[in-house]
Amino acid sequence: MIKLFAGLLTGAALLALGSCEPKKKEDPRPTDPVPARLTLVRGGTQSGTFGAFVPDSVVLQVQPAGNAPANGYLVSYRLTGNGYVEAANNWGMPRGLLRADARGRIRVRWSLGCDLLQQKTTFYLFDASCADPSQGQCTPLDSVSARATARQGSGWVRACGGEPMSGGLQSSICNCAGRLYMVMGGKGYASQDEGVNWRLLPLPAVNDYVRFLKCNSRGTVYALMENSGVHVSNDQGATWTAVNNGILDHRYPIDLVAEDNNVFVSFFNDGLYRSTNNGGFWRKQLVAGQYWEQYSLLTRLPGGELFLVDKWSNLFKSTDNGSNWLRQTPAAQYVRSQVTALAVDHTGNLVVGSGDALLAVLNPASLTGTVSSFYTPQTHTSHSIYNITSARNRLYFVVLGNLTPGVYAGTPGSYALATPGFTPRIYNYFVKADGSLMLITDSGVYYHAP
């Protein structure tokens, strides 16, 4: 009994001692990391003119979550209007995606569209684990918007197409049943408002480039591709059908002429072809017995005669719709190597542009006429004439290499620069019904606004 009582006392004492020990502090609950944020540093509210960059860059700041690197996020964007953005130091990124620098900064230039007065660009922040934010399969972590008020400019104004457009010598514009079509940078475009706004056409063939885009008065549009030959559209470029029956090698095209009853195509390795049924079948055309030479600049005169040149600048003529060709030899005072342009003027004369920026207007029967030179030795460079057009009873053409390059217009003995004060390099142009010009340059397409 005594032993049992002693044990109870000992247990009570130990329990009392244990209850006197200080309680251990519980660990604090972990705090959630600050989520990643996207903020607008500069350029959030601006104004500018249609087709031009807003005055200030739009600057964004990526604030990473926790210790994550700031350049470990992706930013996509969406625009209202048909403008576009250009980012500095964004090499290797797919179009439509941006990546911040090591400090988390993103700097873009915003070119306003031509279709809305109030425009907005919204930027979306995504974790780098999102493989393709454009597919809508990832939820953005944050977003921010920049806004701008647009107005119509005056003088030479850049047209809009939803992306940067840069032209070259193969770029061109044609008019087909009240709609303009353009090929530029290997792509086809269409415009329904006299070239102010351009819409990208579906590619006739994937992974290929449009080299020529022409149409006839019936509304049929032809696209000649870099590798996949001729495609035709009867619904204004919405859908395309390949029409290469009879062509042996339809790679590397160098000419396309689309008429209502005849279509001519020429290829670097496979010579000249003609179709009389809208591309249903192509017949090889022998030029002076040759079937494989490089023929280009095919031009039809009002009387039906055809002229073209080969790669050596030899001039050929056909009086039977291209079935037979005879070589023509104009005097050296009229044509020099290399022939760079052929056309017909409003009176039916043959117009030839050749080396040293020489322009000759010749009687097609005698191959004699007038000649004008636009050569200026002070530039110490090659001179050329390209893309001759007859419109409004005048000749238009591009001169490159002289002291005053640009588009010239006029009549023999009275030519003048039609684009004074315009500084971007002009490769081609289009004469609108009112006589104003559209200019294709390496910095875009321009139209003249009052």
Protein backbone atom coordinates (compact mmCIF):
# COMPACT_ATOMS: atom_id res chain seq x y z
CA MET A 1 0.00 0.00 0.00
CA ILE A 2 2.85 2.34 0.92
CA LYS A 3 4.74 1.39 -2.28
CA LEU A 4 1.68 2.08 -4.41
CA PHE A 5 1.22 5.50 -2.81
CA ALA A 6 4.88 6.37 -3.36
CA GLY A 7 4.60 5.49 -7.07
CA LEU A 8 1.60 7.73 -7.47
CA LEU A 9 3.50 10.59 -5.84
CA THR A 10 6.48 10.09 -8.14
CA GLY A 11 4.29 10.09 -11.28
CA ALA A 12 2.49 13.23 -10.15
CA ALA A 13 5.79 14.96 -9.51
CA LEU A 14 7.10 14.10 -12.97
CA LEU A 15 3.87 15.31 -14.51
CA ALA A 16 4.13 18.56 -12.60
CA LEU A 17 7.74 19.04 -13.70
CA GLY A 18 6.79 18.42 -17.34
CA SER A 19 4.03 20.96 -17.16
CA CYS A 20 6.52 23.63 -16.06
CA GLU A 21 8.63 23.36 -19.26
CA PRO A 22 8.18 26.29 -21.68
CA LYS A 23 6.01 25.56 -24.72
CA LYS A 24 7.77 25.41 -28.09
CA LYS A 25 6.73 28.08 -30.62
CA GLU A 26 4.93 26.79 -33.66
CA ASP A 27 6.53 27.43 -37.06
CA PRO A 28 4.83 30.33 -38.92
CA ARG A 29 2.69 29.40 -41.92
CA PRO A 30 4.57 29.93 -45.21
CA THR A 31 3.50 33.03 -47.16
CA ASP A 32 2.43 32.76 -50.80
CA PRO A 33 5.00 34.19 -53.27
CA VAL A 34 4.13 37.46 -55.00
CA PRO A 35 2.65 36.54 -58.40
CA ALA A 36 4.38 37.60 -61.61
CA ARG A 37 3.19 40.95 -62.93
CA LEU A 38 3.36 42.90 -66.19
CA THR A 39 3.35 46.69 -65.89
CA LEU A 40 3.40 49.53 -68.37
CA VAL A 41 6.39 51.81 -67.86
CA ARG A 42 6.00 54.23 -70.77
CA GLY A 43 3.98 54.92 -73.90
CA GLY A 44 0.60 53.84 -72.59
CA THR A 45 -1.43 56.73 -74.04
CA GLN A 46 -0.37 58.33 -77.31
CA SER A 47 -1.62 59.74 -80.61
CA GLY A 48 -0.33 59.53 -84.16
CA THR A 49 -1.17 59.26 -87.85
CA PHE A 50 -2.46 56.28 -89.79
CA GLY A 51 0.32 53.97 -90.93
CA ALA A 52 3.04 55.66 -88.86
CA PHE A 53 4.83 54.77 -85.63
CA VAL A 54 3.57 56.51 -82.51
CA PRO A 55 6.10 59.07 -81.20
CA ASP A 56 7.26 57.10 -78.16
CA SER A 57 8.19 53.47 -77.65
CA VAL A 58 5.92 51.29 -75.54
CA VAL A 59 7.99 49.99 -72.60
CA LEU A 60 6.87 47.05 -70.44
CA GLN A 61 8.30 45.65 -67.20
CA VAL A 62 8.09 41.99 -66.21
CA GLN A 63 8.12 41.53 -62.42
CA PRO A 64 8.89 37.84 -61.80
CA ALA A 65 7.44 35.71 -59.07
CA GLY A 66 9.88 34.96 -56.26
CA ASN A 67 13.41 34.29 -57.51
CA ALA A 68 12.38 33.41 -61.06
CA PRO A 69 14.44 35.11 -63.80
CA ALA A 70 12.69 38.06 -65.42
CA ASN A 71 13.52 36.84 -68.91
CA GLY A 72 11.93 33.47 -68.19
CA TYR A 73 8.48 34.69 -69.25
CA LEU A 74 6.79 35.14 -72.61
CA VAL A 75 4.64 38.07 -73.66
CA SER A 76 2.13 37.93 -76.50
CA TYR A 77 0.03 40.79 -77.83
CA ARG A 78 -3.21 41.51 -79.64
CA LEU A 79 -4.04 44.65 -81.60
CA THR A 80 -7.29 46.33 -82.53
CA GLY A 81 -6.82 47.78 -85.98
CA ASN A 82 -4.43 46.61 -88.68
CA GLY A 83 -1.23 48.06 -87.28
CA TYR A 84 1.73 46.09 -85.96
CA VAL A 85 4.49 46.20 -83.36
CA GLU A 86 8.24 45.79 -83.77
CA ALA A 87 10.45 44.71 -80.88
CA ALA A 88 14.12 45.43 -80.35
CA ASN A 89 16.45 42.50 -79.60
CA ASN A 90 13.74 39.94 -80.27
CA TRP A 91 15.72 37.75 -82.66
CA GLY A 92 14.72 34.12 -82.85
CA MET A 93 11.26 34.67 -81.38
CA PRO A 94 8.17 33.70 -83.40
CA ARG A 95 6.07 36.57 -84.69
CA GLY A 96 3.59 37.64 -82.04
CA LEU A 97 5.81 36.70 -79.07
CA LEU A 98 8.15 38.88 -77.03
CA ARG A 99 10.77 38.06 -74.41
CA ALA A 100 12.11 40.45 -71.79
CA ASP A 101 15.78 41.23 -71.31
CA ALA A 102 17.68 40.29 -68.14
CA ARG A 103 16.18 43.31 -66.34
CA GLY A 104 12.65 42.33 -67.34
CA ARG A 105 12.24 45.16 -69.86
CA ILE A 106 10.46 44.91 -73.21
CA ARG A 107 10.57 47.81 -75.66
CA VAL A 108 8.42 47.88 -78.81
CA ARG A 109 7.55 50.36 -81.54
CA TRP A 110 3.87 50.53 -82.45
CA SER A 111 2.81 51.36 -86.01
CA LEU A 112 -0.82 52.43 -86.05
CA GLY A 113 -3.34 50.85 -88.37
CA CYS A 114 -5.35 52.74 -90.96
CA ASP A 115 -8.82 51.44 -90.12
CA LEU A 116 -9.71 52.74 -86.63
CA LEU A 117 -9.50 56.09 -84.88
CA GLN A 118 -9.19 54.53 -81.41
CA GLN A 119 -6.64 51.71 -81.30
CA LYS A 120 -5.34 49.44 -78.56
CA THR A 121 -2.57 46.90 -78.10
CA THR A 122 -2.99 44.47 -75.20
CA PHE A 123 0.05 42.57 -73.90
CA TYR A 124 -0.32 39.23 -72.07
CA LEU A 125 2.21 37.67 -69.70
CA PHE A 126 2.73 33.89 -69.78
CA ASP A 127 4.96 31.48 -67.96
CA ALA A 128 7.76 30.14 -70.14
CA SER A 129 6.31 26.64 -69.76
CA CYS A 130 3.51 27.68 -72.12
CA ALA A 131 4.68 26.26 -75.44
CA ASP A 132 2.49 28.47 -77.66
CA PRO A 133 0.39 31.22 -76.07
CA SER A 134 -1.24 31.97 -79.42
CA GLN A 135 -3.20 28.70 -79.27
CA GLY A 136 -5.22 29.84 -76.25
CA GLN A 137 -4.28 26.79 -74.19
CA CYS A 138 -2.56 28.76 -71.43
CA THR A 139 -4.03 31.26 -68.98
CA PRO A 140 -2.19 34.61 -68.93
CA LEU A 141 -0.63 35.60 -65.62
CA ASP A 142 -1.28 39.28 -66.19
CA SER A 143 -2.10 41.77 -68.94
CA VAL A 144 -1.79 45.48 -69.69
CA SER A 145 -2.97 47.69 -72.57
CA ALA A 146 -1.54 50.67 -74.45
CA ARG A 147 -3.94 53.00 -76.27
CA ALA A 148 -3.60 55.50 -79.09
CA THR A 149 -5.75 57.93 -81.03
CA ALA A 150 -5.12 57.83 -84.79
CA ARG A 151 -5.76 60.49 -87.41
CA GLN A 152 -5.39 60.80 -91.17
CA GLY A 153 -2.04 62.18 -92.27
CA SER A 154 -1.29 64.37 -95.27
CA GLY A 155 1.23 64.07 -98.07
CA TRP A 156 2.85 60.65 -98.46
CA VAL A 157 1.20 58.28 -95.99
CA ARG A 158 2.15 54.66 -95.43
CA ALA A 159 -0.58 52.10 -96.16
CA CYS A 160 -1.48 49.38 -93.67
CA GLY A 161 -1.52 45.61 -93.91
CA GLY A 162 -1.27 44.28 -90.36
CA GLU A 163 2.46 43.57 -90.66
CA PRO A 164 5.64 45.23 -91.94
CA MET A 165 5.63 45.28 -95.75
CA SER A 166 8.88 45.68 -97.66
CA GLY A 167 9.11 45.72 -101.44
CA GLY A 168 11.64 45.01 -104.16
CA LEU A 169 11.89 45.09 -107.93
CA GLN A 170 9.51 42.11 -108.27
CA SER A 171 6.83 43.80 -106.18
CA SER A 172 3.86 45.08 -108.16
CA ILE A 173 0.24 46.27 -107.98
CA CYS A 174 -2.51 45.55 -110.50
CA ASN A 175 -6.17 46.57 -110.79
CA CYS A 176 -8.78 43.88 -111.36
CA ALA A 177 -12.52 44.66 -111.44
CA GLY A 178 -12.22 47.50 -108.93
CA ARG A 179 -9.94 45.65 -106.53
CA LEU A 180 -6.20 46.14 -106.18
CA TYR A 181 -3.85 43.16 -105.87
CA MET A 182 -0.25 43.36 -104.78
CA VAL A 183 2.69 41.00 -104.47
CA MET A 184 5.34 42.02 -101.96
CA GLY A 185 7.90 40.08 -99.98
CA GLY A 186 6.71 36.76 -101.43
CA LYS A 187 3.10 37.31 -100.30
CA GLY A 188 -0.12 38.35 -102.00
CA TYR A 189 -2.39 41.15 -100.76
CA ALA A 190 -5.72 42.67 -101.81
CA SER A 191 -7.26 46.10 -101.18
CA GLN A 192 -10.81 47.36 -101.62
CA ASP A 193 -10.19 51.00 -100.66
CA GLU A 194 -7.70 52.22 -103.28
CA GLY A 195 -4.69 50.81 -101.46
CA VAL A 196 -5.09 52.36 -98.00
CA ASN A 197 -5.74 49.03 -96.24
CA TRP A 198 -4.34 45.72 -97.49
CA ARG A 199 -5.49 42.22 -96.58
CA LEU A 200 -3.14 39.26 -96.73
CA LEU A 201 -4.37 36.62 -99.17
CA PRO A 202 -4.16 32.88 -98.45
CA LEU A 203 -1.01 31.36 -99.90
CA PRO A 204 -1.83 29.32 -103.01
CA ALA A 205 0.76 26.74 -101.90
CA VAL A 206 2.20 26.21 -98.42
CA ASN A 207 5.88 26.84 -97.81
CA ASP A 208 6.22 28.74 -101.08
CA TYR A 209 6.51 32.34 -102.24
CA VAL A 210 4.36 34.44 -104.56
CA ARG A 211 6.56 35.94 -107.29
CA PHE A 212 3.92 37.35 -109.65
CA LEU A 213 0.27 38.27 -109.11
CA LYS A 214 -1.71 39.39 -112.18
CA CYS A 215 -5.37 39.58 -113.16
CA ASN A 216 -7.46 40.12 -116.28
CA SER A 217 -10.56 42.20 -116.96
CA ARG A 218 -12.82 39.21 -116.19
CA GLY A 219 -11.70 39.10 -112.57
CA THR A 220 -9.51 36.01 -112.88
CA VAL A 221 -6.42 36.24 -110.68
CA TYR A 222 -3.21 34.34 -111.41
CA ALA A 223 -0.41 33.70 -108.92
CA LEU A 224 2.96 32.45 -110.12
CA MET A 225 4.90 30.80 -107.30
CA GLU A 226 8.61 30.34 -106.72
CA ASN A 227 8.45 26.54 -106.86
CA SER A 228 4.88 25.33 -107.35
CA GLY A 229 4.01 27.03 -110.63
CA VAL A 230 0.76 28.70 -111.67
CA HIS A 231 -2.35 28.96 -109.49
CA VAL A 232 -5.66 30.54 -110.49
CA SER A 233 -8.45 32.06 -108.41
CA ASN A 234 -11.99 32.95 -109.50
CA ASP A 235 -13.11 34.20 -106.08
CA GLN A 236 -10.79 37.19 -105.58
CA GLY A 237 -7.95 35.19 -104.07
CA ALA A 238 -9.95 33.36 -101.39
CA THR A 239 -9.17 29.93 -102.90
CA TRP A 240 -6.61 28.78 -105.43
CA THR A 241 -6.25 25.92 -107.92
CA ALA A 242 -2.94 24.78 -109.39
CA VAL A 243 -2.93 24.82 -113.22
CA ASN A 244 0.40 23.41 -114.43
CA ASN A 245 -0.68 20.86 -117.03
CA GLY A 246 1.94 20.87 -119.79
CA ILE A 247 4.70 22.69 -117.89
CA LEU A 248 7.83 20.58 -117.48
CA ASP A 249 9.68 22.59 -114.82
CA HIS A 250 7.65 25.25 -113.05
CA ARG A 251 10.35 26.47 -110.67
CA TYR A 252 11.95 29.93 -110.62
CA PRO A 253 9.51 32.06 -112.67
CA ILE A 254 10.65 35.24 -114.41
CA ASP A 255 7.49 36.54 -116.13
CA LEU A 256 3.69 36.38 -116.07
CA VAL A 257 1.30 38.14 -118.46
CA ALA A 258 -2.45 37.65 -117.90
CA GLU A 259 -4.85 38.60 -120.69
CA ASP A 260 -8.50 37.68 -121.18
CA ASN A 261 -7.75 35.11 -123.90
CA ASN A 262 -4.08 34.32 -123.36
CA VAL A 263 -1.77 33.79 -120.40
CA PHE A 264 2.02 33.65 -120.78
CA VAL A 265 4.49 32.39 -118.20
CA SER A 266 8.27 32.07 -118.36
CA PHE A 267 10.70 30.15 -116.17
CA PHE A 268 14.42 30.40 -115.52
CA ASN A 269 15.14 26.81 -116.55
CA ASP A 270 12.22 26.00 -118.83
CA GLY A 271 11.53 28.90 -121.16
CA LEU A 272 8.24 30.36 -122.33
CA TYR A 273 4.72 28.86 -122.23
CA ARG A 274 1.31 30.04 -123.45
CA SER A 275 -2.20 29.02 -122.41
CA THR A 276 -5.34 29.91 -124.34
CA ASN A 277 -7.79 28.34 -121.84
CA ASN A 278 -6.98 30.08 -118.53
CA GLY A 279 -4.21 27.66 -117.62
CA GLY A 280 -6.04 24.47 -118.52
CA PHE A 281 -3.10 23.51 -120.70
CA TRP A 282 0.26 25.16 -121.37
CA ARG A 283 2.03 24.91 -124.72
CA LYS A 284 5.78 25.38 -124.99
CA GLN A 285 6.76 28.37 -127.15
CA LEU A 286 9.95 28.14 -129.21
CA VAL A 287 11.72 31.46 -129.62
CA ALA A 288 14.06 31.40 -132.61
CA GLY A 289 14.27 27.63 -132.20
CA GLN A 290 15.21 27.78 -128.52
CA TYR A 291 12.97 26.21 -125.89
CA TRP A 292 14.89 26.66 -122.65
CA GLU A 293 16.20 30.24 -122.71
CA GLN A 294 15.23 32.86 -120.13
CA TYR A 295 12.60 35.13 -121.69
CA SER A 296 10.92 38.03 -119.96
CA LEU A 297 9.25 41.44 -120.31
CA LEU A 298 6.63 40.12 -122.75
CA THR A 299 4.60 43.05 -124.12
CA ARG A 300 1.65 43.13 -126.55
CA LEU A 301 1.05 46.05 -128.88
CA PRO A 302 -2.47 47.22 -129.88
CA GLY A 303 -2.11 45.52 -133.27
CA GLY A 304 -1.48 42.16 -131.62
CA GLU A 305 2.30 41.95 -132.07
CA LEU A 306 4.30 40.58 -129.17
CA PHE A 307 7.78 41.61 -128.07
CA LEU A 308 10.10 40.07 -125.48
CA VAL A 309 13.78 39.88 -124.60
CA ASP A 310 16.09 37.01 -123.65
CA LYS A 311 18.70 37.06 -120.89
CA TRP A 312 21.25 38.52 -123.34
CA SER A 313 18.88 41.49 -124.02
CA ASN A 314 18.14 40.29 -127.55
CA LEU A 315 14.77 41.60 -128.75
CA PHE A 316 12.25 39.25 -130.42
CA LYS A 317 8.93 39.87 -132.15
CA SER A 318 5.94 37.63 -132.89
CA THR A 319 3.02 38.43 -135.20
CA ASP A 320 1.10 35.15 -134.60
CA ASN A 321 0.38 35.24 -130.87
CA GLY A 322 3.73 33.75 -129.89
CA SER A 323 3.86 30.70 -132.18
CA ASN A 324 6.85 32.09 -134.11
CA TRP A 325 9.43 34.69 -133.17
CA LEU A 326 11.97 36.73 -135.15
CA ARG A 327 14.90 38.58 -133.68
CA GLN A 328 14.84 42.38 -133.95
CA THR A 329 17.92 44.60 -133.93
CA PRO A 330 17.34 48.24 -132.98
CA ALA A 331 20.21 50.65 -133.44
CA ALA A 332 22.68 50.95 -130.56
CA GLN A 333 21.70 54.57 -130.03
CA TYR A 334 18.27 53.39 -128.85
CA VAL A 335 18.97 50.26 -126.83
CA ARG A 336 21.97 49.29 -124.75
CA SER A 337 22.61 46.17 -122.75
CA GLN A 338 20.95 45.38 -120.41
CA VAL A 339 17.27 45.74 -121.37
CA THR A 340 15.38 46.19 -118.10
CA ALA A 341 11.86 47.23 -119.17
CA LEU A 342 9.45 46.94 -122.11
CA ALA A 343 6.04 48.58 -122.54
CA VAL A 344 3.70 50.12 -125.09
CA ASP A 345 2.59 53.75 -124.97
CA HIS A 346 -0.90 55.10 -125.66
CA THR A 347 -0.14 55.58 -129.38
CA GLY A 348 1.14 52.03 -129.90
CA ASN A 349 4.87 52.72 -129.81
CA LEU A 350 7.29 50.27 -128.24
CA VAL A 351 9.02 51.69 -125.16
CA VAL A 352 12.37 50.23 -124.10
CA GLY A 353 14.33 50.89 -120.92
CA SER A 354 17.95 49.78 -121.01
CA GLY A 355 21.42 50.25 -119.55
CA ASP A 356 22.66 53.63 -118.33
CA ALA A 357 19.03 54.66 -117.75
CA LEU A 358 18.23 55.02 -121.43
CA LEU A 359 14.55 55.31 -122.43
CA ALA A 360 13.60 54.84 -126.09
CA VAL A 361 10.17 55.30 -127.67
CA LEU A 362 10.26 53.42 -130.98
CA ASN A 363 8.05 52.84 -133.97
CA PRO A 364 7.48 49.07 -133.75
CA ALA A 365 7.92 48.59 -137.51
CA SER A 366 11.14 50.56 -138.03
CA LEU A 367 12.49 50.47 -134.45
CA THR A 368 13.45 54.12 -134.71
CA GLY A 369 12.23 57.02 -132.65
CA THR A 370 13.26 59.18 -129.70
CA VAL A 371 15.67 58.45 -126.89
CA SER A 372 16.17 60.08 -123.48
CA SER A 373 19.00 59.54 -121.03
CA PHE A 374 18.74 59.83 -117.26
CA TYR A 375 22.40 59.04 -116.65
CA THR A 376 24.32 61.18 -114.14
CA PRO A 377 28.03 60.27 -113.97
CA GLN A 378 28.43 61.92 -110.56
CA THR A 379 26.85 58.95 -108.78
CA HIS A 380 29.51 56.46 -109.97
CA THR A 381 27.04 53.60 -109.95
CA SER A 382 24.92 51.59 -112.37
CA HIS A 383 21.79 53.26 -113.73
CA SER A 384 18.58 51.45 -114.65
CA ILE A 385 15.01 52.02 -115.76
CA TYR A 386 12.28 49.68 -114.50
CA ASN A 387 8.53 49.15 -114.68
CA ILE A 388 7.38 51.36 -117.54
CA THR A 389 3.63 52.06 -117.58
CA SER A 390 1.47 54.07 -119.96
CA ALA A 391 -1.35 55.90 -118.17
CA ARG A 392 -3.32 59.09 -118.75
CA ASN A 393 -1.47 59.62 -122.09
CA ARG A 394 1.87 59.76 -120.32
CA LEU A 395 4.71 57.36 -119.62
CA TYR A 396 5.67 56.48 -116.05
CA PHE A 397 8.86 54.64 -115.09
CA VAL A 398 11.31 54.13 -112.23
CA VAL A 399 14.88 55.41 -112.47
CA LEU A 400 17.47 53.96 -110.10
CA GLY A 401 21.10 54.98 -109.65
CA ASN A 402 21.13 58.62 -110.78
CA LEU A 403 21.26 61.78 -108.68
CA THR A 404 17.46 62.06 -108.49
CA PRO A 405 16.05 58.52 -108.40
CA GLY A 406 12.32 57.92 -108.24
CA VAL A 407 9.27 57.76 -110.47
CA TYR A 408 9.36 59.90 -113.62
CA ALA A 409 6.40 60.85 -115.79
CA GLY A 410 5.80 62.70 -119.03
CA THR A 411 6.14 62.46 -122.78
CA PRO A 412 9.27 62.21 -124.97
CA GLY A 413 11.39 65.31 -124.44
CA SER A 414 9.32 66.37 -121.40
CA TYR A 415 9.91 63.93 -118.54
CA ALA A 416 10.04 65.11 -114.93
CA LEU A 417 10.43 63.55 -111.50
CA ALA A 418 6.93 62.77 -110.20
CA THR A 419 8.07 62.06 -106.63
CA PRO A 420 10.14 65.08 -105.56
CA GLY A 421 11.07 65.12 -101.89
CA PHE A 422 10.20 61.46 -101.34
CA THR A 423 13.26 59.82 -99.77
CA PRO A 424 12.61 56.03 -99.37
CA ARG A 425 13.95 53.90 -102.20
CA ILE A 426 11.17 53.32 -104.76
CA TYR A 427 11.01 49.99 -106.62
CA ASN A 428 7.59 50.14 -108.23
CA TYR A 429 4.42 52.20 -108.31
CA PHE A 430 0.79 52.17 -109.40
CA VAL A 431 -1.06 54.97 -111.17
CA LYS A 432 -4.54 55.39 -109.69
CA ALA A 433 -7.56 56.54 -111.68
CA ASP A 434 -7.20 60.11 -110.37
CA GLY A 435 -3.55 60.25 -111.47
CA SER A 436 -2.07 59.98 -107.98
CA LEU A 437 0.59 57.38 -107.31
CA MET A 438 1.05 54.49 -104.94
CA LEU A 439 4.70 53.78 -104.23
CA ILE A 440 6.28 50.44 -103.35
CA THR A 441 9.42 50.93 -101.28
CA ASP A 442 11.71 48.99 -98.97
CA SER A 443 9.89 50.59 -96.03
CA GLY A 444 6.31 49.93 -97.09
CA VAL A 445 3.60 51.04 -99.51
CA TYR A 446 2.72 54.74 -99.65
CA TYR A 447 -0.25 56.66 -101.03
CA HIS A 448 -0.68 60.43 -101.33
CA ALA A 449 -3.29 62.07 -99.12
CA PRO A 450 -4.41 65.71 -99.55
